[in-house]
């Protein structure tokens, strides 16, 4: 099996990390926007009456906060993914440096 060059490995890793961060950030943004959008309608005490129109300021606030939560989640996804990649490479390097005790006896 041919080992990829370090440059190709770095590019592949950065593409995977970027795609995972964008995906997680987009899903969290959409979920936060959808879950918070219902609170902006004017409450009605009688369930037979339709709810009032949503407040524009509330909708804008929910959308802005959802975008911020999505960006923060994307950034944390990058940090956590790179931490796991670094730890796995560190463990792989340590396993290759430790001689096999069964082979030496």
C-alpha atoms as a PDB file:
ATOM      1  CA  UNK A   1       0.000   0.000   0.000  1.00  0.00           C
ATOM      2  CA  UNK A   2       1.313   3.431  -0.931  1.00  0.00           C
ATOM      3  CA  UNK A   3       1.501   5.967   1.891  1.00  0.00           C
ATOM      4  CA  UNK A   4       0.156   9.395   0.932  1.00  0.00           C
ATOM      5  CA  UNK A   5       2.697  12.177   1.081  1.00  0.00           C
ATOM      6  CA  UNK A   6       2.517  14.428   4.154  1.00  0.00           C
ATOM      7  CA  UNK A   7       1.251  17.284   1.984  1.00  0.00           C
ATOM      8  CA  UNK A   8      -1.628  15.196   0.590  1.00  0.00           C
ATOM      9  CA  UNK A   9      -2.443  13.907   4.067  1.00  0.00           C
ATOM     10  CA  UNK A  10      -2.544  17.478   5.394  1.00  0.00           C
ATOM     11  CA  UNK A  11      -4.843  18.606   2.566  1.00  0.00           C
ATOM     12  CA  UNK A  12      -7.156  15.639   3.011  1.00  0.00           C
ATOM     13  CA  UNK A  13      -7.340  16.198   6.749  1.00  0.00           C
ATOM     14  CA  UNK A  14      -8.077  19.901   6.354  1.00  0.00           C
ATOM     15  CA  UNK A  15     -10.854  19.195   3.821  1.00  0.00           C
ATOM     16  CA  UNK A  16     -12.459  16.602   6.110  1.00  0.00           C
ATOM     17  CA  UNK A  17     -12.250  18.914   9.134  1.00  0.00           C
ATOM     18  CA  UNK A  18     -13.674  21.864   7.172  1.00  0.00           C
ATOM     19  CA  UNK A  19     -16.556  19.827   5.753  1.00  0.00           C
ATOM     20  CA  UNK A  20     -17.447  18.393   9.133  1.00  0.00           C
ATOM     21  CA  UNK A  21     -17.384  21.850  10.734  1.00  0.00           C
ATOM     22  CA  UNK A  22     -19.582  23.346   8.016  1.00  0.00           C
ATOM     23  CA  UNK A  23     -22.034  20.453   8.229  1.00  0.00           C
ATOM     24  CA  UNK A  24     -22.321  20.517  12.012  1.00  0.00           C
ATOM     25  CA  UNK A  25     -22.554  24.314  12.064  1.00  0.00           C
ATOM     26  CA  UNK A  26     -25.309  24.361   9.427  1.00  0.00           C
ATOM     27  CA  UNK A  27     -27.349  21.672  11.187  1.00  0.00           C
ATOM     28  CA  UNK A  28     -27.076  23.437  14.542  1.00  0.00           C
ATOM     29  CA  UNK A  29     -27.962  26.804  12.986  1.00  0.00           C
ATOM     30  CA  UNK A  30     -31.039  25.357  11.282  1.00  0.00           C
ATOM     31  CA  UNK A  31     -32.156  23.508  14.408  1.00  0.00           C
ATOM     32  CA  UNK A  32     -31.693  26.589  16.608  1.00  0.00           C
ATOM     33  CA  UNK A  33     -33.541  28.837  14.157  1.00  0.00           C
ATOM     34  CA  UNK A  34     -36.457  26.409  13.808  1.00  0.00           C
ATOM     35  CA  UNK A  35     -36.783  25.717  17.515  1.00  0.00           C
ATOM     36  CA  UNK A  36     -36.691  29.397  18.444  1.00  0.00           C
ATOM     37  CA  UNK A  37     -38.933  30.725  15.684  1.00  0.00           C
ATOM     38  CA  UNK A  38     -42.180  29.609  17.322  1.00  0.00           C
ATOM     39  CA  UNK A  39     -41.658  31.741  20.401  1.00  0.00           C
ATOM     40  CA  UNK A  40     -41.919  34.950  18.400  1.00  0.00           C
ATOM     41  CA  UNK A  41     -45.662  34.644  17.674  1.00  0.00           C
ATOM     42  CA  UNK A  42     -47.970  36.650  19.888  1.00  0.00           C
ATOM     43  CA  UNK A  43     -49.499  34.369  22.541  1.00  0.00           C
ATOM     44  CA  UNK A  44     -53.269  33.843  22.496  1.00  0.00           C
ATOM     45  CA  UNK A  45     -55.200  32.619  25.519  1.00  0.00           C
ATOM     46  CA  UNK A  46     -58.025  31.044  23.497  1.00  0.00           C
ATOM     47  CA  UNK A  47     -56.746  27.995  21.527  1.00  0.00           C
ATOM     48  CA  UNK A  48     -59.527  28.442  18.928  1.00  0.00           C
ATOM     49  CA  UNK A  49     -58.144  31.807  17.825  1.00  0.00           C
ATOM     50  CA  UNK A  50     -55.129  31.977  15.515  1.00  0.00           C
ATOM     51  CA  UNK A  51     -51.897  33.317  16.928  1.00  0.00           C
ATOM     52  CA  UNK A  52     -50.880  36.847  16.103  1.00  0.00           C
ATOM     53  CA  UNK A  53     -48.204  37.731  13.555  1.00  0.00           C
ATOM     54  CA  UNK A  54     -44.626  37.119  14.643  1.00  0.00           C
ATOM     55  CA  UNK A  55     -42.657  40.033  15.982  1.00  0.00           C
ATOM     56  CA  UNK A  56     -39.968  41.127  13.480  1.00  0.00           C
ATOM     57  CA  UNK A  57     -37.476  42.060  16.193  1.00  0.00           C
ATOM     58  CA  UNK A  58     -37.892  38.684  17.863  1.00  0.00           C
ATOM     59  CA  UNK A  59     -37.461  36.828  14.562  1.00  0.00           C
ATOM     60  CA  UNK A  60     -34.289  38.805  13.782  1.00  0.00           C
ATOM     61  CA  UNK A  61     -32.931  38.171  17.284  1.00  0.00           C
ATOM     62  CA  UNK A  62     -33.613  34.422  17.039  1.00  0.00           C
ATOM     63  CA  UNK A  63     -31.991  34.246  13.612  1.00  0.00           C
ATOM     64  CA  UNK A  64     -28.906  36.175  14.774  1.00  0.00           C
ATOM     65  CA  UNK A  65     -28.493  34.027  17.878  1.00  0.00           C
ATOM     66  CA  UNK A  66     -28.944  30.852  15.817  1.00  0.00           C
ATOM     67  CA  UNK A  67     -26.167  31.978  13.467  1.00  0.00           C
ATOM     68  CA  UNK A  68     -23.864  32.687  16.408  1.00  0.00           C
ATOM     69  CA  UNK A  69     -24.573  29.304  17.973  1.00  0.00           C
ATOM     70  CA  UNK A  70     -23.871  27.632  14.608  1.00  0.00           C
ATOM     71  CA  UNK A  71     -20.549  29.459  14.215  1.00  0.00           C
ATOM     72  CA  UNK A  72     -19.497  28.623  17.767  1.00  0.00           C
ATOM     73  CA  UNK A  73     -20.396  24.970  17.229  1.00  0.00           C
ATOM     74  CA  UNK A  74     -18.450  24.875  13.958  1.00  0.00           C
ATOM     75  CA  UNK A  75     -15.379  26.342  15.676  1.00  0.00           C
ATOM     76  CA  UNK A  76     -15.636  23.846  18.525  1.00  0.00           C
ATOM     77  CA  UNK A  77     -16.030  21.028  16.006  1.00  0.00           C
ATOM     78  CA  UNK A  78     -12.718  22.032  14.408  1.00  0.00           C
ATOM     79  CA  UNK A  79     -10.957  22.204  17.773  1.00  0.00           C
ATOM     80  CA  UNK A  80     -12.299  18.854  18.986  1.00  0.00           C
ATOM     81  CA  UNK A  81     -11.633  17.093  15.661  1.00  0.00           C
ATOM     82  CA  UNK A  82      -8.053  18.364  15.486  1.00  0.00           C
ATOM     83  CA  UNK A  83      -7.504  17.348  19.117  1.00  0.00           C
ATOM     84  CA  UNK A  84      -8.678  13.799  18.383  1.00  0.00           C
ATOM     85  CA  UNK A  85      -6.529  13.619  15.250  1.00  0.00           C
ATOM     86  CA  UNK A  86      -3.485  14.816  17.182  1.00  0.00           C
ATOM     87  CA  UNK A  87      -4.067  12.363  20.009  1.00  0.00           C
ATOM     88  CA  UNK A  88      -4.536   9.452  17.612  1.00  0.00           C
ATOM     89  CA  UNK A  89      -1.325  10.323  15.773  1.00  0.00           C
ATOM     90  CA  UNK A  90       0.505  10.639  19.071  1.00  0.00           C
ATOM     91  CA  UNK A  91      -0.745   7.210  20.159  1.00  0.00           C
ATOM     92  CA  UNK A  92       0.195   5.711  16.780  1.00  0.00           C
ATOM     93  CA  UNK A  93       3.719   7.149  16.985  1.00  0.00           C
ATOM     94  CA  UNK A  94       4.175   5.880  20.537  1.00  0.00           C
ATOM     95  CA  UNK A  95       3.006   2.384  19.577  1.00  0.00           C
ATOM     96  CA  UNK A  96       5.501   2.258  16.713  1.00  0.00           C
ATOM     97  CA  UNK A  97       8.370   3.388  19.002  1.00  0.00           C
ATOM     98  CA  UNK A  98       7.706   0.828  21.756  1.00  0.00           C
ATOM     99  CA  UNK A  99       9.440  -2.474  20.932  1.00  0.00           C
ATOM    100  CA  UNK A 100       7.412  -5.630  21.052  1.00  0.00           C
ATOM    101  CA  UNK A 101       8.296  -7.418  24.317  1.00  0.00           C
ATOM    102  CA  UNK A 102       7.341 -10.837  22.955  1.00  0.00           C
ATOM    103  CA  UNK A 103       9.745 -10.481  20.038  1.00  0.00           C
ATOM    104  CA  UNK A 104      12.671  -9.480  22.256  1.00  0.00           C
ATOM    105  CA  UNK A 105      12.405 -12.473  24.631  1.00  0.00           C
END
